[in-house]
């Protein structure tokens, strides 16, 4: 059975690109959100296997959303995907509960490889 994923990014282009990459890799994108607060609610409602969060978003940043998602106590894995790549940001994402930190622009091969690692899948 395909792993369920929620994609949360305030930029339509990146949301659509990530959804295309995920679907091509065999994941089931069950919902999408445009801000961190919506992302938290979608995870609470759907309890996906994975959520992909941008960092810079309205209402709640991806890092704030990751912390709130971790507080839900679900088995949902969190991946942060952002154009911000400096090391303190990566460290903060991991501390917030992210299993991986990917940088934009989106490179399909790297994203799929990293998501498979996070989900414990072999290639």
Protein backbone atom coordinates (compact mmCIF):
# COMPACT_ATOMS: atom_id res chain seq x y z
CA UNK A 1 0.00 0.00 0.00
CA UNK A 2 1.32 3.44 -0.94
CA UNK A 3 2.46 5.69 1.90
CA UNK A 4 0.16 8.66 2.54
CA UNK A 5 1.63 12.15 2.30
CA UNK A 6 0.50 15.71 2.97
CA UNK A 7 2.34 18.56 1.21
CA UNK A 8 2.32 22.00 2.85
CA UNK A 9 3.84 24.96 1.02
CA UNK A 10 2.48 28.47 0.46
CA UNK A 11 3.88 28.53 -3.09
CA UNK A 12 1.61 26.84 -5.62
CA UNK A 13 4.49 25.96 -7.98
CA UNK A 14 6.47 24.10 -5.30
CA UNK A 15 3.36 22.37 -3.95
CA UNK A 16 2.47 21.09 -7.41
CA UNK A 17 6.08 20.10 -8.20
CA UNK A 18 6.40 18.16 -4.94
CA UNK A 19 3.05 16.44 -5.48
CA UNK A 20 4.14 15.37 -8.99
CA UNK A 21 7.45 13.99 -7.67
CA UNK A 22 5.70 12.12 -4.87
CA UNK A 23 3.03 10.63 -7.11
CA UNK A 24 5.66 9.54 -9.66
CA UNK A 25 7.56 7.82 -6.83
CA UNK A 26 4.45 5.88 -5.79
CA UNK A 27 3.30 7.93 -2.80
CA UNK A 28 -0.36 8.78 -2.20
CA UNK A 29 -0.75 12.55 -1.75
CA UNK A 30 -3.91 12.75 0.35
CA UNK A 31 -4.03 16.49 1.08
CA UNK A 32 -2.21 19.78 0.63
CA UNK A 33 -2.01 22.95 2.67
CA UNK A 34 -0.90 26.52 2.13
CA UNK A 35 0.28 27.49 5.62
CA UNK A 36 1.68 25.91 8.75
CA UNK A 37 -1.53 26.08 10.76
CA UNK A 38 -3.46 24.31 8.00
CA UNK A 39 -0.69 21.72 7.80
CA UNK A 40 -1.05 20.88 11.49
CA UNK A 41 -4.82 20.52 11.14
CA UNK A 42 -4.48 18.30 8.05
CA UNK A 43 -2.03 16.03 9.86
CA UNK A 44 -4.35 15.85 12.88
CA UNK A 45 -7.29 14.97 10.61
CA UNK A 46 -5.61 12.48 8.24
CA UNK A 47 -2.69 11.05 10.29
CA UNK A 48 -0.48 10.57 7.21
CA UNK A 49 2.70 8.53 7.06
CA UNK A 50 4.62 11.65 5.99
CA UNK A 51 4.24 15.42 5.85
CA UNK A 52 6.47 17.68 3.75
CA UNK A 53 6.66 21.24 5.09
CA UNK A 54 8.12 24.44 3.69
CA UNK A 55 9.83 26.65 6.28
CA UNK A 56 8.64 30.16 5.41
CA UNK A 57 4.83 30.16 5.45
CA UNK A 58 2.04 32.32 6.84
CA UNK A 59 0.37 31.72 10.22
CA UNK A 60 2.93 29.15 11.40
CA UNK A 61 6.36 28.52 9.95
CA UNK A 62 7.26 24.98 8.95
CA UNK A 63 9.44 24.73 12.06
CA UNK A 64 6.58 25.82 14.34
CA UNK A 65 4.24 23.43 12.53
CA UNK A 66 6.74 20.58 12.93
CA UNK A 67 6.84 21.15 16.70
CA UNK A 68 3.04 21.13 16.91
CA UNK A 69 2.83 18.00 14.77
CA UNK A 70 5.33 16.25 17.07
CA UNK A 71 3.14 17.21 20.05
CA UNK A 72 0.26 15.24 18.46
CA UNK A 73 2.15 12.03 19.23
CA UNK A 74 1.48 10.47 15.83
CA UNK A 75 3.82 8.26 13.80
CA UNK A 76 3.87 10.84 11.00
CA UNK A 77 7.38 11.50 9.68
CA UNK A 78 8.27 15.13 8.98
CA UNK A 79 10.44 16.38 6.13
CA UNK A 80 11.31 20.05 5.77
CA UNK A 81 11.88 21.34 2.24
CA UNK A 82 13.07 24.93 1.93
CA UNK A 83 15.20 27.33 -0.06
CA UNK A 84 16.86 28.31 3.23
CA UNK A 85 19.87 26.06 3.66
CA UNK A 86 22.13 27.53 6.32
CA UNK A 87 23.19 25.08 9.02
CA UNK A 88 21.41 26.68 12.02
CA UNK A 89 18.11 26.32 10.13
CA UNK A 90 18.81 22.65 9.42
CA UNK A 91 19.70 22.05 13.07
CA UNK A 92 16.53 23.82 14.21
CA UNK A 93 14.42 21.67 11.85
CA UNK A 94 15.92 18.45 13.19
CA UNK A 95 15.40 19.67 16.77
CA UNK A 96 11.76 20.45 15.89
CA UNK A 97 11.24 16.83 14.84
CA UNK A 98 12.10 16.71 11.15
CA UNK A 99 13.64 13.47 9.89
CA UNK A 100 15.23 15.22 6.90
CA UNK A 101 15.88 18.70 5.51
CA UNK A 102 15.81 19.11 1.74
CA UNK A 103 16.68 22.26 -0.17
CA UNK A 104 14.96 23.86 -3.11
CA UNK A 105 15.02 23.88 -6.06
CA UNK A 106 13.45 20.46 -6.04
CA UNK A 107 15.61 17.72 -7.55
CA UNK A 108 13.49 14.63 -8.05
CA UNK A 109 16.23 12.04 -7.64
CA UNK A 110 17.48 13.52 -4.35
CA UNK A 111 13.98 14.00 -2.94
CA UNK A 112 12.89 10.44 -3.73
CA UNK A 113 16.10 8.97 -2.31
CA UNK A 114 15.81 10.97 0.92
CA UNK A 115 12.09 10.26 1.37
CA UNK A 116 12.69 6.54 0.92
CA UNK A 117 15.37 6.73 3.65
CA UNK A 118 13.02 8.58 5.98
CA UNK A 119 10.25 6.05 5.35
CA UNK A 120 12.59 3.06 5.76
CA UNK A 121 12.02 1.89 2.20
CA UNK A 122 14.66 0.29 0.03
CA UNK A 123 15.20 1.46 -3.51
